[in-house]
PDB file of all heavy atoms in Angstrom:
ATOM      1  N   LEU A   1      -9.916 179.857  79.905  1.00  0.00           N
ATOM      2  CA  LEU A   1      -9.564 178.581  80.526  1.00  0.00           C
ATOM      3  C   LEU A   1     -10.176 178.510  81.916  1.00  0.00           C
ATOM      4  O   LEU A   1     -10.103 179.468  82.688  1.00  0.00           O
ATOM      5  CB  LEU A   1      -8.055 178.426  80.627  1.00  0.00           C
ATOM      6  CG  LEU A   1      -7.284 177.881  79.414  1.00  0.00           C
ATOM      7  CD1 LEU A   1      -7.544 176.397  79.227  1.00  0.00           C
ATOM      8  CD2 LEU A   1      -7.595 178.652  78.135  1.00  0.00           C
ATOM      9  N   ALA A   2     -10.774 177.367  82.246  1.00  0.00           N
ATOM     10  CA  ALA A   2     -11.450 177.179  83.526  1.00  0.00           C
ATOM     11  C   ALA A   2     -11.066 175.852  84.143  1.00  0.00           C
ATOM     12  O   ALA A   2     -10.713 174.902  83.442  1.00  0.00           O
ATOM     13  CB  ALA A   2     -12.975 177.239  83.336  1.00  0.00           C
ATOM     14  N   SER A   3     -11.148 175.794  85.457  1.00  0.00           N
ATOM     15  CA  SER A   3     -11.016 174.520  86.175  1.00  0.00           C
ATOM     16  C   SER A   3     -11.820 174.646  87.455  1.00  0.00           C
ATOM     17  O   SER A   3     -11.816 175.691  88.091  1.00  0.00           O
ATOM     18  CB  SER A   3      -9.553 174.209  86.501  1.00  0.00           C
ATOM     19  OG  SER A   3      -9.022 175.165  87.390  1.00  0.00           O
ATOM     20  N   GLY A   4     -12.525 173.612  87.800  1.00  0.00           N
ATOM     21  CA  GLY A   4     -13.307 173.680  89.013  1.00  0.00           C
ATOM     22  C   GLY A   4     -12.437 173.813  90.250  1.00  0.00           C
ATOM     23  O   GLY A   4     -12.822 174.427  91.232  1.00  0.00           O
ATOM     24  N   LYS A   5     -11.239 173.245  90.215  1.00  0.00           N
ATOM     25  CA  LYS A   5     -10.340 173.281  91.356  1.00  0.00           C
ATOM     26  C   LYS A   5      -8.940 173.659  90.900  1.00  0.00           C
ATOM     27  O   LYS A   5      -8.620 173.584  89.715  1.00  0.00           O
ATOM     28  CB  LYS A   5     -10.293 171.917  92.071  1.00  0.00           C
ATOM     29  CG  LYS A   5      -9.663 170.816  91.237  1.00  0.00           C
ATOM     30  CD  LYS A   5      -9.756 169.458  91.931  1.00  0.00           C
ATOM     31  CE  LYS A   5      -8.861 169.369  93.137  1.00  0.00           C
ATOM     32  NZ  LYS A   5      -7.423 169.321  92.786  1.00  0.00           N
ATOM     33  N   GLY A   6      -8.095 174.057  91.837  1.00  0.00           N
ATOM     34  CA  GLY A   6      -6.718 174.344  91.524  1.00  0.00           C
ATOM     35  C   GLY A   6      -5.908 173.065  91.393  1.00  0.00           C
ATOM     36  O   GLY A   6      -6.353 171.978  91.753  1.00  0.00           O
ATOM     37  N   GLY A   7      -4.703 173.206  90.837  1.00  0.00           N
ATOM     38  CA  GLY A   7      -3.802 172.072  90.767  1.00  0.00           C
ATOM     39  C   GLY A   7      -4.028 171.109  89.625  1.00  0.00           C
ATOM     40  O   GLY A   7      -3.458 170.015  89.614  1.00  0.00           O
ATOM     41  N   VAL A   8      -4.851 171.481  88.645  1.00  0.00           N
ATOM     42  CA  VAL A   8      -5.105 170.573  87.515  1.00  0.00           C
ATOM     43  C   VAL A   8      -4.376 171.022  86.255  1.00  0.00           C
ATOM     44  O   VAL A   8      -4.539 170.418  85.192  1.00  0.00           O
ATOM     45  CB  VAL A   8      -6.622 170.431  87.236  1.00  0.00           C
ATOM     46  CG1 VAL A   8      -7.334 169.860  88.446  1.00  0.00           C
ATOM     47  CG2 VAL A   8      -7.235 171.752  86.803  1.00  0.00           C
ATOM     48  N   GLY A   9      -3.574 172.094  86.350  1.00  0.00           N
ATOM     49  CA  GLY A   9      -2.765 172.519  85.217  1.00  0.00           C
ATOM     50  C   GLY A   9      -3.362 173.607  84.359  1.00  0.00           C
ATOM     51  O   GLY A   9      -2.896 173.842  83.238  1.00  0.00           O
ATOM     52  N   LYS A  10      -4.376 174.325  84.867  1.00  0.00           N
ATOM     53  CA  LYS A  10      -5.060 175.337  84.055  1.00  0.00           C
ATOM     54  C   LYS A  10      -4.128 176.440  83.568  1.00  0.00           C
ATOM     55  O   LYS A  10      -4.111 176.758  82.368  1.00  0.00           O
ATOM     56  CB  LYS A  10      -6.213 175.945  84.852  1.00  0.00           C
ATOM     57  CG  LYS A  10      -6.879 177.153  84.181  1.00  0.00           C
ATOM     58  CD  LYS A  10      -7.907 177.790  85.071  1.00  0.00           C
ATOM     59  CE  LYS A  10      -7.325 178.282  86.365  1.00  0.00           C
ATOM     60  NZ  LYS A  10      -6.324 179.371  86.177  1.00  0.00           N
ATOM     61  N   THR A  11      -3.370 177.044  84.477  1.00  0.00           N
ATOM     62  CA  THR A  11      -2.514 178.156  84.074  1.00  0.00           C
ATOM     63  C   THR A  11      -1.397 177.695  83.153  1.00  0.00           C
ATOM     64  O   THR A  11      -1.061 178.361  82.173  1.00  0.00           O
ATOM     65  CB  THR A  11      -1.931 178.869  85.308  1.00  0.00           C
ATOM     66  OG1 THR A  11      -2.997 179.458  86.054  1.00  0.00           O
ATOM     67  CG2 THR A  11      -0.951 179.964  84.906  1.00  0.00           C
ATOM     68  N   SER A  12      -0.819 176.537  83.445  1.00  0.00           N
ATOM     69  CA  SER A  12       0.230 176.003  82.577  1.00  0.00           C
ATOM     70  C   SER A  12      -0.298 175.760  81.168  1.00  0.00           C
ATOM     71  O   SER A  12       0.378 176.059  80.172  1.00  0.00           O
ATOM     72  CB  SER A  12       0.786 174.704  83.172  1.00  0.00           C
ATOM     73  OG  SER A  12       1.868 174.231  82.402  1.00  0.00           O
ATOM     74  N   ILE A  13      -1.517 175.242  81.061  1.00  0.00           N
ATOM     75  CA  ILE A  13      -2.116 175.023  79.744  1.00  0.00           C
ATOM     76  C   ILE A  13      -2.421 176.361  79.082  1.00  0.00           C
ATOM     77  O   ILE A  13      -2.183 176.539  77.880  1.00  0.00           O
ATOM     78  CB  ILE A  13      -3.376 174.157  79.859  1.00  0.00           C
ATOM     79  CG1 ILE A  13      -3.000 172.735  80.274  1.00  0.00           C
ATOM     80  CG2 ILE A  13      -4.143 174.130  78.533  1.00  0.00           C
ATOM     81  CD1 ILE A  13      -4.184 171.828  80.534  1.00  0.00           C
ATOM     82  N   SER A  14      -2.920 177.331  79.846  1.00  0.00           N
ATOM     83  CA  SER A  14      -3.205 178.656  79.289  1.00  0.00           C
ATOM     84  C   SER A  14      -1.961 179.246  78.650  1.00  0.00           C
ATOM     85  O   SER A  14      -1.984 179.736  77.510  1.00  0.00           O
ATOM     86  CB  SER A  14      -3.712 179.600  80.384  1.00  0.00           C
ATOM     87  OG  SER A  14      -4.919 179.158  80.959  1.00  0.00           O
ATOM     88  N   VAL A  15      -0.855 179.218  79.398  1.00  0.00           N
ATOM     89  CA  VAL A  15       0.399 179.809  78.927  1.00  0.00           C
ATOM     90  C   VAL A  15       0.916 179.069  77.699  1.00  0.00           C
ATOM     91  O   VAL A  15       1.240 179.679  76.662  1.00  0.00           O
ATOM     92  CB  VAL A  15       1.450 179.796  80.056  1.00  0.00           C
ATOM     93  CG1 VAL A  15       2.838 180.125  79.514  1.00  0.00           C
ATOM     94  CG2 VAL A  15       1.058 180.777  81.154  1.00  0.00           C
ATOM     95  N   ASN A  16       1.007 177.751  77.800  1.00  0.00           N
ATOM     96  CA  ASN A  16       1.570 176.971  76.701  1.00  0.00           C
ATOM     97  C   ASN A  16       0.690 176.992  75.462  1.00  0.00           C
ATOM     98  O   ASN A  16       1.195 177.026  74.335  1.00  0.00           O
ATOM     99  CB  ASN A  16       1.808 175.532  77.165  1.00  0.00           C
ATOM    100  CG  ASN A  16       3.084 175.377  77.962  1.00  0.00           C
ATOM    101  OD1 ASN A  16       4.175 175.324  77.416  1.00  0.00           O
ATOM    102  ND2 ASN A  16       2.942 175.330  79.286  1.00  0.00           N
ATOM    103  N   LEU A  17      -0.617 176.984  75.657  1.00  0.00           N
ATOM    104  CA  LEU A  17      -1.529 177.034  74.518  1.00  0.00           C
ATOM    105  C   LEU A  17      -1.407 178.386  73.814  1.00  0.00           C
ATOM    106  O   LEU A  17      -1.399 178.448  72.572  1.00  0.00           O
ATOM    107  CB  LEU A  17      -2.965 176.796  74.986  1.00  0.00           C
ATOM    108  CG  LEU A  17      -4.042 176.708  73.903  1.00  0.00           C
ATOM    109  CD1 LEU A  17      -3.737 175.590  72.920  1.00  0.00           C
ATOM    110  CD2 LEU A  17      -5.411 176.491  74.549  1.00  0.00           C
ATOM    111  N   ALA A  18      -1.302 179.460  74.591  1.00  0.00           N
ATOM    112  CA  ALA A  18      -1.148 180.793  73.993  1.00  0.00           C
ATOM    113  C   ALA A  18       0.148 180.884  73.203  1.00  0.00           C
ATOM    114  O   ALA A  18       0.171 181.426  72.086  1.00  0.00           O
ATOM    115  CB  ALA A  18      -1.193 181.858  75.089  1.00  0.00           C
ATOM    116  N   VAL A  19       1.245 180.368  73.761  1.00  0.00           N
ATOM    117  CA  VAL A  19       2.531 180.385  73.048  1.00  0.00           C
ATOM    118  C   VAL A  19       2.450 179.526  71.789  1.00  0.00           C
ATOM    119  O   VAL A  19       2.927 179.914  70.715  1.00  0.00           O
ATOM    120  CB  VAL A  19       3.676 179.911  73.965  1.00  0.00           C
ATOM    121  CG1 VAL A  19       4.968 179.764  73.172  1.00  0.00           C
ATOM    122  CG2 VAL A  19       3.881 180.885  75.115  1.00  0.00           C
ATOM    123  N   ALA A  20       1.837 178.343  71.904  1.00  0.00           N
ATOM    124  CA  ALA A  20       1.713 177.452  70.743  1.00  0.00           C
ATOM    125  C   ALA A  20       0.892 178.105  69.637  1.00  0.00           C
ATOM    126  O   ALA A  20       1.233 177.982  68.448  1.00  0.00           O
ATOM    127  CB  ALA A  20       1.088 176.131  71.173  1.00  0.00           C
ATOM    128  N   LEU A  21      -0.182 178.800  70.000  1.00  0.00           N
ATOM    129  CA  LEU A  21      -0.982 179.509  68.997  1.00  0.00           C
ATOM    130  C   LEU A  21      -0.155 180.586  68.303  1.00  0.00           C
ATOM    131  O   LEU A  21      -0.200 180.732  67.075  1.00  0.00           O
ATOM    132  CB  LEU A  21      -2.212 180.139  69.650  1.00  0.00           C
ATOM    133  CG  LEU A  21      -3.365 179.205  69.997  1.00  0.00           C
ATOM    134  CD1 LEU A  21      -4.359 179.911  70.919  1.00  0.00           C
ATOM    135  CD2 LEU A  21      -4.079 178.716  68.737  1.00  0.00           C
ATOM    136  N   ALA A  22       0.608 181.347  69.100  1.00  0.00           N
ATOM    137  CA  ALA A  22       1.454 182.399  68.526  1.00  0.00           C
ATOM    138  C   ALA A  22       2.472 181.799  67.566  1.00  0.00           C
ATOM    139  O   ALA A  22       2.743 182.348  66.492  1.00  0.00           O
ATOM    140  CB  ALA A  22       2.147 183.184  69.640  1.00  0.00           C
ATOM    141  N   ARG A  23       3.028 180.647  67.928  1.00  0.00           N
ATOM    142  CA  ARG A  23       4.010 179.984  67.065  1.00  0.00           C
ATOM    143  C   ARG A  23       3.374 179.438  65.790  1.00  0.00           C
ATOM    144  O   ARG A  23       4.079 179.237  64.793  1.00  0.00           O
ATOM    145  CB  ARG A  23       4.688 178.857  67.835  1.00  0.00           C
ATOM    146  CG  ARG A  23       5.633 179.353  68.919  1.00  0.00           C
ATOM    147  CD  ARG A  23       6.388 178.212  69.560  1.00  0.00           C
ATOM    148  NE  ARG A  23       7.598 178.681  70.202  1.00  0.00           N
ATOM    149  CZ  ARG A  23       8.628 177.914  70.523  1.00  0.00           C
ATOM    150  NH1 ARG A  23       8.589 176.617  70.257  1.00  0.00           N
ATOM    151  NH2 ARG A  23       9.687 178.426  71.096  1.00  0.00           N
ATOM    152  N   GLU A  24       2.056 179.191  65.844  1.00  0.00           N
ATOM    153  CA  GLU A  24       1.338 178.728  64.660  1.00  0.00           C
ATOM    154  C   GLU A  24       0.941 179.892  63.754  1.00  0.00           C
ATOM    155  O   GLU A  24       0.291 179.696  62.719  1.00  0.00           O
ATOM    156  CB  GLU A  24       0.070 177.968  65.068  1.00  0.00           C
ATOM    157  CG  GLU A  24       0.322 176.596  65.681  1.00  0.00           C
ATOM    158  CD  GLU A  24       0.691 175.568  64.634  1.00  0.00           C
ATOM    159  OE1 GLU A  24       0.254 175.699  63.488  1.00  0.00           O
ATOM    160  OE2 GLU A  24       1.439 174.634  64.969  1.00  0.00           O
ATOM    161  N   GLY A  25       1.327 181.096  64.140  1.00  0.00           N
ATOM    162  CA  GLY A  25       1.004 182.268  63.335  1.00  0.00           C
ATOM    163  C   GLY A  25      -0.299 182.949  63.716  1.00  0.00           C
ATOM    164  O   GLY A  25      -0.731 183.893  63.041  1.00  0.00           O
ATOM    165  N   GLN A  26      -0.930 182.470  64.797  1.00  0.00           N
ATOM    166  CA  GLN A  26      -2.155 183.103  65.280  1.00  0.00           C
ATOM    167  C   GLN A  26      -1.782 184.308  66.158  1.00  0.00           C
ATOM    168  O   GLN A  26      -0.989 184.184  67.086  1.00  0.00           O
ATOM    169  CB  GLN A  26      -2.984 182.115  66.098  1.00  0.00           C
ATOM    170  CG  GLN A  26      -3.405 180.871  65.348  1.00  0.00           C
ATOM    171  CD  GLN A  26      -4.451 181.143  64.287  1.00  0.00           C
ATOM    172  OE1 GLN A  26      -5.222 182.094  64.388  1.00  0.00           O
ATOM    173  NE2 GLN A  26      -4.481 180.315  63.258  1.00  0.00           N
ATOM    174  N   ARG A  27      -2.335 185.447  65.855  1.00  0.00           N
ATOM    175  CA  ARG A  27      -2.054 186.657  66.638  1.00  0.00           C
ATOM    176  C   ARG A  27      -2.802 186.518  67.972  1.00  0.00           C
ATOM    177  O   ARG A  27      -4.025 186.572  68.006  1.00  0.00           O
ATOM    178  CB  ARG A  27      -2.503 187.892  65.876  1.00  0.00           C
ATOM    179  CG  ARG A  27      -1.786 188.074  64.533  1.00  0.00           C
ATOM    180  CD  ARG A  27      -2.447 189.135  63.685  1.00  0.00           C
ATOM    181  NE  ARG A  27      -3.831 188.787  63.377  1.00  0.00           N
ATOM    182  CZ  ARG A  27      -4.689 189.596  62.750  1.00  0.00           C
ATOM    183  NH1 ARG A  27      -4.300 190.791  62.345  1.00  0.00           N
ATOM    184  NH2 ARG A  27      -5.927 189.211  62.519  1.00  0.00           N
ATOM    185  N   THR A  28      -2.031 186.352  69.037  1.00  0.00           N
ATOM    186  CA  THR A  28      -2.599 185.894  70.306  1.00  0.00           C
ATOM    187  C   THR A  28      -2.217 186.811  71.452  1.00  0.00           C
ATOM    188  O   THR A  28      -1.081 187.271  71.544  1.00  0.00           O
ATOM    189  CB  THR A  28      -2.111 184.464  70.621  1.00  0.00           C
ATOM    190  OG1 THR A  28      -2.403 183.610  69.505  1.00  0.00           O
ATOM    191  CG2 THR A  28      -2.790 183.914  71.867  1.00  0.00           C
ATOM    192  N   MET A  29      -3.184 187.031  72.342  1.00  0.00           N
ATOM    193  CA  MET A  29      -2.958 187.787  73.570  1.00  0.00           C
ATOM    194  C   MET A  29      -3.396 186.928  74.750  1.00  0.00           C
ATOM    195  O   MET A  29      -4.454 186.286  74.701  1.00  0.00           O
ATOM    196  CB  MET A  29      -3.752 189.088  73.563  1.00  0.00           C
ATOM    197  CG  MET A  29      -3.506 189.986  74.766  1.00  0.00           C
ATOM    198  SD  MET A  29      -4.364 191.574  74.564  1.00  0.00           S
ATOM    199  CE  MET A  29      -3.664 192.495  75.928  1.00  0.00           C
ATOM    200  N   LEU A  30      -2.583 186.882  75.791  1.00  0.00           N
ATOM    201  CA  LEU A  30      -2.905 186.159  77.017  1.00  0.00           C
ATOM    202  C   LEU A  30      -3.221 187.173  78.100  1.00  0.00           C
ATOM    203  O   LEU A  30      -2.389 188.025  78.422  1.00  0.00           O
ATOM    204  CB  LEU A  30      -1.727 185.282  77.439  1.00  0.00           C
ATOM    205  CG  LEU A  30      -1.839 184.554  78.784  1.00  0.00           C
ATOM    206  CD1 LEU A  30      -3.020 183.592  78.794  1.00  0.00           C
ATOM    207  CD2 LEU A  30      -0.543 183.805  79.091  1.00  0.00           C
ATOM    208  N   VAL A  31      -4.426 187.097  78.655  1.00  0.00           N
ATOM    209  CA  VAL A  31      -4.858 188.004  79.714  1.00  0.00           C
ATOM    210  C   VAL A  31      -4.975 187.212  81.008  1.00  0.00           C
ATOM    211  O   VAL A  31      -5.770 186.269  81.089  1.00  0.00           O
ATOM    212  CB  VAL A  31      -6.212 188.674  79.369  1.00  0.00           C
ATOM    213  CG1 VAL A  31      -6.648 189.607  80.497  1.00  0.00           C
ATOM    214  CG2 VAL A  31      -6.103 189.441  78.054  1.00  0.00           C
ATOM    215  N   ASP A  32      -4.171 187.579  81.996  1.00  0.00           N
ATOM    216  CA  ASP A  32      -4.156 186.864  83.271  1.00  0.00           C
ATOM    217  C   ASP A  32      -5.107 187.545  84.242  1.00  0.00           C
ATOM    218  O   ASP A  32      -4.787 188.582  84.817  1.00  0.00           O
ATOM    219  CB  ASP A  32      -2.735 186.838  83.834  1.00  0.00           C
ATOM    220  CG  ASP A  32      -2.609 185.947  85.066  1.00  0.00           C
ATOM    221  OD1 ASP A  32      -3.643 185.452  85.560  1.00  0.00           O
ATOM    222  OD2 ASP A  32      -1.472 185.740  85.532  1.00  0.00           O
ATOM    223  N   THR A  33      -6.287 186.951  84.417  1.00  0.00           N
ATOM    224  CA  THR A  33      -7.266 187.488  85.368  1.00  0.00           C
ATOM    225  C   THR A  33      -7.311 186.675  86.650  1.00  0.00           C
ATOM    226  O   THR A  33      -8.218 186.855  87.463  1.00  0.00           O
ATOM    227  CB  THR A  33      -8.683 187.529  84.745  1.00  0.00           C
ATOM    228  OG1 THR A  33      -9.131 186.189  84.504  1.00  0.00           O
ATOM    229  CG2 THR A  33      -8.695 188.318  83.459  1.00  0.00           C
ATOM    230  N   ASP A  34      -6.329 185.773  86.825  1.00  0.00           N
ATOM    231  CA  ASP A  34      -6.275 184.963  88.044  1.00  0.00           C
ATOM    232  C   ASP A  34      -5.650 185.806  89.155  1.00  0.00           C
ATOM    233  O   ASP A  34      -4.472 185.673  89.493  1.00  0.00           O
ATOM    234  CB  ASP A  34      -5.451 183.694  87.805  1.00  0.00           C
ATOM    235  CG  ASP A  34      -5.593 182.688  88.934  1.00  0.00           C
ATOM    236  OD1 ASP A  34      -6.124 183.067  90.001  1.00  0.00           O
ATOM    237  OD2 ASP A  34      -5.190 181.532  88.758  1.00  0.00           O
ATOM    238  N   PHE A  35      -6.462 186.707  89.723  1.00  0.00           N
ATOM    239  CA  PHE A  35      -5.948 187.692  90.661  1.00  0.00           C
ATOM    240  C   PHE A  35      -5.422 187.069  91.948  1.00  0.00           C
ATOM    241  O   PHE A  35      -4.650 187.678  92.669  1.00  0.00           O
ATOM    242  CB  PHE A  35      -7.040 188.718  90.992  1.00  0.00           C
ATOM    243  CG  PHE A  35      -7.574 189.428  89.789  1.00  0.00           C
ATOM    244  CD1 PHE A  35      -8.924 189.353  89.468  1.00  0.00           C
ATOM    245  CD2 PHE A  35      -6.739 190.146  88.964  1.00  0.00           C
ATOM    246  CE1 PHE A  35      -9.428 190.003  88.349  1.00  0.00           C
ATOM    247  CE2 PHE A  35      -7.229 190.796  87.838  1.00  0.00           C
ATOM    248  CZ  PHE A  35      -8.574 190.727  87.533  1.00  0.00           C
ATOM    249  N   GLY A  36      -5.839 185.863  92.247  1.00  0.00           N
ATOM    250  CA  GLY A  36      -5.358 185.238  93.466  1.00  0.00           C
ATOM    251  C   GLY A  36      -3.901 184.823  93.385  1.00  0.00           C
ATOM    252  O   GLY A  36      -3.160 184.918  94.358  1.00  0.00           O
ATOM    253  N   LEU A  37      -3.448 184.365  92.184  1.00  0.00           N
ATOM    254  CA  LEU A  37      -2.087 183.843  92.051  1.00  0.00           C
ATOM    255  C   LEU A  37      -1.276 184.568  90.980  1.00  0.00           C
ATOM    256  O   LEU A  37      -0.106 184.859  91.183  1.00  0.00           O
ATOM    257  CB  LEU A  37      -2.134 182.343  91.738  1.00  0.00           C
ATOM    258  CG  LEU A  37      -2.773 181.469  92.821  1.00  0.00           C
ATOM    259  CD1 LEU A  37      -2.897 180.038  92.330  1.00  0.00           C
ATOM    260  CD2 LEU A  37      -1.953 181.522  94.101  1.00  0.00           C
ATOM    261  N   ALA A  38      -1.878 184.831  89.823  1.00  0.00           N
ATOM    262  CA  ALA A  38      -1.217 185.589  88.763  1.00  0.00           C
ATOM    263  C   ALA A  38       0.140 184.990  88.397  1.00  0.00           C
ATOM    264  O   ALA A  38       1.172 185.654  88.468  1.00  0.00           O
ATOM    265  CB  ALA A  38      -1.065 187.056  89.186  1.00  0.00           C
ATOM    266  N   ASN A  39       0.143 183.723  87.977  1.00  0.00           N
ATOM    267  CA  ASN A  39       1.389 183.014  87.713  1.00  0.00           C
ATOM    268  C   ASN A  39       1.794 182.965  86.244  1.00  0.00           C
ATOM    269  O   ASN A  39       2.857 182.418  85.928  1.00  0.00           O
ATOM    270  CB  ASN A  39       1.282 181.576  88.225  1.00  0.00           C
ATOM    271  CG  ASN A  39       1.442 181.492  89.731  1.00  0.00           C
ATOM    272  OD1 ASN A  39       2.148 182.295  90.331  1.00  0.00           O
ATOM    273  ND2 ASN A  39       0.784 180.525  90.340  1.00  0.00           N
ATOM    274  N   ALA A  40       0.998 183.515  85.348  1.00  0.00           N
ATOM    275  CA  ALA A  40       1.312 183.382  83.922  1.00  0.00           C
ATOM    276  C   ALA A  40       2.663 183.998  83.584  1.00  0.00           C
ATOM    277  O   ALA A  40       3.461 183.412  82.844  1.00  0.00           O
ATOM    278  CB  ALA A  40       0.207 184.012  83.079  1.00  0.00           C
ATOM    279  N   ALA A  41       2.945 185.186  84.112  1.00  0.00           N
ATOM    280  CA  ALA A  41       4.224 185.846  83.821  1.00  0.00           C
ATOM    281  C   ALA A  41       5.392 185.022  84.340  1.00  0.00           C
ATOM    282  O   ALA A  41       6.434 184.906  83.683  1.00  0.00           O
ATOM    283  CB  ALA A  41       4.244 187.250  84.425  1.00  0.00           C
ATOM    284  N   VAL A  42       5.226 184.422  85.528  1.00  0.00           N
ATOM    285  CA  VAL A  42       6.287 183.594  86.105  1.00  0.00           C
ATOM    286  C   VAL A  42       6.578 182.411  85.187  1.00  0.00           C
ATOM    287  O   VAL A  42       7.743 182.079  84.927  1.00  0.00           O
ATOM    288  CB  VAL A  42       5.890 183.108  87.508  1.00  0.00           C
ATOM    289  CG1 VAL A  42       6.934 182.156  88.058  1.00  0.00           C
ATOM    290  CG2 VAL A  42       5.694 184.284  88.445  1.00  0.00           C
ATOM    291  N   MET A  43       5.522 181.766  84.675  1.00  0.00           N
ATOM    292  CA  MET A  43       5.715 180.609  83.803  1.00  0.00           C
ATOM    293  C   MET A  43       6.325 180.988  82.458  1.00  0.00           C
ATOM    294  O   MET A  43       6.927 180.159  81.787  1.00  0.00           O
ATOM    295  CB  MET A  43       4.383 179.884  83.591  1.00  0.00           C
ATOM    296  CG  MET A  43       3.862 179.212  84.836  1.00  0.00           C
ATOM    297  SD  MET A  43       2.369 178.249  84.503  1.00  0.00           S
ATOM    298  CE  MET A  43       1.979 177.658  86.153  1.00  0.00           C
TER     299      MET A  43
END
């Protein structure tokens, strides 16, 4: 997932999309490489 700027919902979409895929039966792993903020676990 990419965004040219912050504040456009990238991490929220990353988290929710990963959960939605897992719920669809897709074996999914979310890797948080956003070292500046690292908010995936919080969400």
